[in-house]
Amino acid sequence: MKRTFLGEFEELVLLTVAILGEGAYAVTVTQELEQKTGRSVGFSTVHTTLQRMEEKGFLSSEMGGATAERGGRRKRLFTITAFGRKALREVKEVREELWNALPPSTLQLIGG
């Protein structure tokens, strides 16, 4: 079985889009990532990653309606595709296999 490999940031972005559902666009993805990870995340980095992941088939997008709060501009809303869901399941399985293979003593605190 050929696996789909995601970089760490791609995985985080894909998970965030899946969490946000129909409300996922670059600004909300950026805000959610910063909130959940405690990391500063650049809007342009998220925007570029969303576009790249759409090109790879992990996401699809459509234009939402124009809003006054955005000066009449429309939002590009992203949703996870079946291929994106499959990639997340595969990543989760690999991570679980690795965590399950880790000897319990490895993570014990020294002297604890």
C-alpha atoms as a PDB file:
ATOM      1  CA  MET A   1       0.000   0.000   0.000  1.00  0.00           C
ATOM      2  CA  LYS A   2       1.425   3.354  -1.035  1.00  0.00           C
ATOM      3  CA  ARG A   3       1.121   5.927   1.739  1.00  0.00           C
ATOM      4  CA  THR A   4       0.516   9.620   1.375  1.00  0.00           C
ATOM      5  CA  PHE A   5       3.061  11.716   3.203  1.00  0.00           C
ATOM      6  CA  LEU A   6       2.261  15.062   4.744  1.00  0.00           C
ATOM      7  CA  GLY A   7       4.644  17.539   6.283  1.00  0.00           C
ATOM      8  CA  GLU A   8       3.923  18.551   9.872  1.00  0.00           C
ATOM      9  CA  PHE A   9       2.476  21.926   8.909  1.00  0.00           C
ATOM     10  CA  GLU A  10       0.404  20.397   6.107  1.00  0.00           C
ATOM     11  CA  GLU A  11      -1.011  17.907   8.594  1.00  0.00           C
ATOM     12  CA  LEU A  12      -1.911  20.699  11.023  1.00  0.00           C
ATOM     13  CA  VAL A  13      -3.573  22.754   8.282  1.00  0.00           C
ATOM     14  CA  LEU A  14      -5.523  19.750   6.982  1.00  0.00           C
ATOM     15  CA  LEU A  15      -6.696  18.852  10.490  1.00  0.00           C
ATOM     16  CA  THR A  16      -7.726  22.451  11.100  1.00  0.00           C
ATOM     17  CA  VAL A  17      -9.765  22.613   7.896  1.00  0.00           C
ATOM     18  CA  ALA A  18     -11.466  19.359   8.924  1.00  0.00           C
ATOM     19  CA  ILE A  19     -12.228  20.802  12.374  1.00  0.00           C
ATOM     20  CA  LEU A  20     -13.619  24.073  11.025  1.00  0.00           C
ATOM     21  CA  GLY A  21     -15.806  22.399   8.424  1.00  0.00           C
ATOM     22  CA  GLU A  22     -17.627  24.797   6.114  1.00  0.00           C
ATOM     23  CA  GLY A  23     -16.198  27.872   7.852  1.00  0.00           C
ATOM     24  CA  ALA A  24     -12.606  27.180   6.853  1.00  0.00           C
ATOM     25  CA  TYR A  25     -10.850  29.986   5.040  1.00  0.00           C
ATOM     26  CA  ALA A  26      -7.323  31.320   5.383  1.00  0.00           C
ATOM     27  CA  VAL A  27      -8.070  33.725   8.264  1.00  0.00           C
ATOM     28  CA  THR A  28     -10.034  31.226  10.377  1.00  0.00           C
ATOM     29  CA  VAL A  29      -7.469  28.483   9.734  1.00  0.00           C
ATOM     30  CA  THR A  30      -4.673  30.843  10.823  1.00  0.00           C
ATOM     31  CA  GLN A  31      -6.550  31.865  13.985  1.00  0.00           C
ATOM     32  CA  GLU A  32      -7.458  28.292  14.909  1.00  0.00           C
ATOM     33  CA  LEU A  33      -3.892  27.074  14.372  1.00  0.00           C
ATOM     34  CA  GLU A  34      -2.501  29.820  16.593  1.00  0.00           C
ATOM     35  CA  GLN A  35      -5.078  29.097  19.287  1.00  0.00           C
ATOM     36  CA  LYS A  36      -4.669  25.313  19.269  1.00  0.00           C
ATOM     37  CA  THR A  37      -0.872  25.141  18.903  1.00  0.00           C
ATOM     38  CA  GLY A  38       0.214  28.269  20.750  1.00  0.00           C
ATOM     39  CA  ARG A  39       2.480  29.029  17.796  1.00  0.00           C
ATOM     40  CA  SER A  40       2.593  32.213  15.791  1.00  0.00           C
ATOM     41  CA  VAL A  41       1.439  31.348  12.290  1.00  0.00           C
ATOM     42  CA  GLY A  42       1.794  33.648   9.305  1.00  0.00           C
ATOM     43  CA  PHE A  43      -1.323  34.260   7.241  1.00  0.00           C
ATOM     44  CA  SER A  44       0.651  34.067   3.993  1.00  0.00           C
ATOM     45  CA  THR A  45       2.122  30.705   5.040  1.00  0.00           C
ATOM     46  CA  VAL A  46      -1.358  29.311   5.690  1.00  0.00           C
ATOM     47  CA  HIS A  47      -2.707  30.786   2.457  1.00  0.00           C
ATOM     48  CA  THR A  48       0.115  29.248   0.407  1.00  0.00           C
ATOM     49  CA  THR A  49      -0.283  25.887   2.152  1.00  0.00           C
ATOM     50  CA  LEU A  50      -4.042  25.843   1.515  1.00  0.00           C
ATOM     51  CA  GLN A  51      -3.462  26.513  -2.191  1.00  0.00           C
ATOM     52  CA  ARG A  52      -0.736  23.864  -2.436  1.00  0.00           C
ATOM     53  CA  MET A  53      -2.909  21.284  -0.669  1.00  0.00           C
ATOM     54  CA  GLU A  54      -5.772  22.033  -3.032  1.00  0.00           C
ATOM     55  CA  GLU A  55      -3.427  21.483  -5.992  1.00  0.00           C
ATOM     56  CA  LYS A  56      -2.434  18.113  -4.477  1.00  0.00           C
ATOM     57  CA  GLY A  57      -6.104  17.117  -4.098  1.00  0.00           C
ATOM     58  CA  PHE A  58      -6.296  17.140  -0.279  1.00  0.00           C
ATOM     59  CA  LEU A  59      -8.677  20.118  -0.264  1.00  0.00           C
ATOM     60  CA  SER A  60     -11.258  21.683  -2.515  1.00  0.00           C
ATOM     61  CA  SER A  61     -12.460  25.271  -2.427  1.00  0.00           C
ATOM     62  CA  GLU A  62     -15.220  27.528  -3.574  1.00  0.00           C
ATOM     63  CA  MET A  63     -15.875  31.220  -3.335  1.00  0.00           C
ATOM     64  CA  GLY A  64     -18.259  32.333  -0.582  1.00  0.00           C
ATOM     65  CA  GLY A  65     -20.480  35.362  -0.671  1.00  0.00           C
ATOM     66  CA  ALA A  66     -19.178  38.905  -0.424  1.00  0.00           C
ATOM     67  CA  THR A  67     -19.386  40.504   3.017  1.00  0.00           C
ATOM     68  CA  ALA A  68     -19.375  44.124   4.154  1.00  0.00           C
ATOM     69  CA  GLU A  69     -16.751  43.323   6.803  1.00  0.00           C
ATOM     70  CA  ARG A  70     -14.360  42.373   3.987  1.00  0.00           C
ATOM     71  CA  GLY A  71     -15.115  45.444   1.899  1.00  0.00           C
ATOM     72  CA  GLY A  72     -17.306  43.459  -0.461  1.00  0.00           C
ATOM     73  CA  ARG A  73     -14.637  40.836  -1.154  1.00  0.00           C
ATOM     74  CA  ARG A  74     -15.505  37.149  -1.228  1.00  0.00           C
ATOM     75  CA  LYS A  75     -13.854  34.453   0.912  1.00  0.00           C
ATOM     76  CA  ARG A  76     -12.324  31.287  -0.546  1.00  0.00           C
ATOM     77  CA  LEU A  77     -13.796  28.503   1.602  1.00  0.00           C
ATOM     78  CA  PHE A  78     -11.920  25.214   1.855  1.00  0.00           C
ATOM     79  CA  THR A  79     -13.209  21.718   2.554  1.00  0.00           C
ATOM     80  CA  ILE A  80     -11.336  18.474   2.986  1.00  0.00           C
ATOM     81  CA  THR A  81     -11.682  15.952   0.149  1.00  0.00           C
ATOM     82  CA  ALA A  82     -11.975  12.168   0.386  1.00  0.00           C
ATOM     83  CA  PHE A  83      -8.272  12.001  -0.515  1.00  0.00           C
ATOM     84  CA  GLY A  84      -7.505  14.443   2.330  1.00  0.00           C
ATOM     85  CA  ARG A  85      -9.502  12.352   4.824  1.00  0.00           C
ATOM     86  CA  LYS A  86      -7.641   9.236   3.659  1.00  0.00           C
ATOM     87  CA  ALA A  87      -4.301  10.992   4.146  1.00  0.00           C
ATOM     88  CA  LEU A  88      -5.248  12.039   7.689  1.00  0.00           C
ATOM     89  CA  ARG A  89      -6.309   8.476   8.564  1.00  0.00           C
ATOM     90  CA  GLU A  90      -2.998   7.133   7.241  1.00  0.00           C
ATOM     91  CA  VAL A  91      -0.962   9.697   9.188  1.00  0.00           C
ATOM     92  CA  LYS A  92      -2.898   8.878  12.352  1.00  0.00           C
ATOM     93  CA  GLU A  93      -2.328   5.136  11.876  1.00  0.00           C
ATOM     94  CA  VAL A  94       1.421   5.595  11.383  1.00  0.00           C
ATOM     95  CA  ARG A  95       1.699   7.830  14.442  1.00  0.00           C
ATOM     96  CA  GLU A  96      -0.300   5.355  16.561  1.00  0.00           C
ATOM     97  CA  GLU A  97       1.908   2.460  15.396  1.00  0.00           C
ATOM     98  CA  LEU A  98       5.009   4.399  16.387  1.00  0.00           C
ATOM     99  CA  TRP A  99       3.615   5.477  19.770  1.00  0.00           C
ATOM    100  CA  ASN A 100       2.486   1.908  20.493  1.00  0.00           C
ATOM    101  CA  ALA A 101       5.958   0.580  19.635  1.00  0.00           C
ATOM    102  CA  LEU A 102       7.642   2.982  22.057  1.00  0.00           C
ATOM    103  CA  PRO A 103       8.869   1.207  25.208  1.00  0.00           C
ATOM    104  CA  PRO A 104       7.081   2.665  28.277  1.00  0.00           C
ATOM    105  CA  SER A 105      10.376   3.331  30.039  1.00  0.00           C
ATOM    106  CA  THR A 106      11.477   5.708  27.264  1.00  0.00           C
ATOM    107  CA  LEU A 107       9.244   8.552  28.393  1.00  0.00           C
ATOM    108  CA  GLN A 108       9.586   8.084  32.160  1.00  0.00           C
ATOM    109  CA  LEU A 109      11.138  10.981  33.998  1.00  0.00           C
ATOM    110  CA  ILE A 110      14.654  10.424  35.281  1.00  0.00           C
ATOM    111  CA  GLY A 111      14.534   9.836  39.031  1.00  0.00           C
ATOM    112  CA  GLY A 112      10.733   9.832  38.964  1.00  0.00           C
END
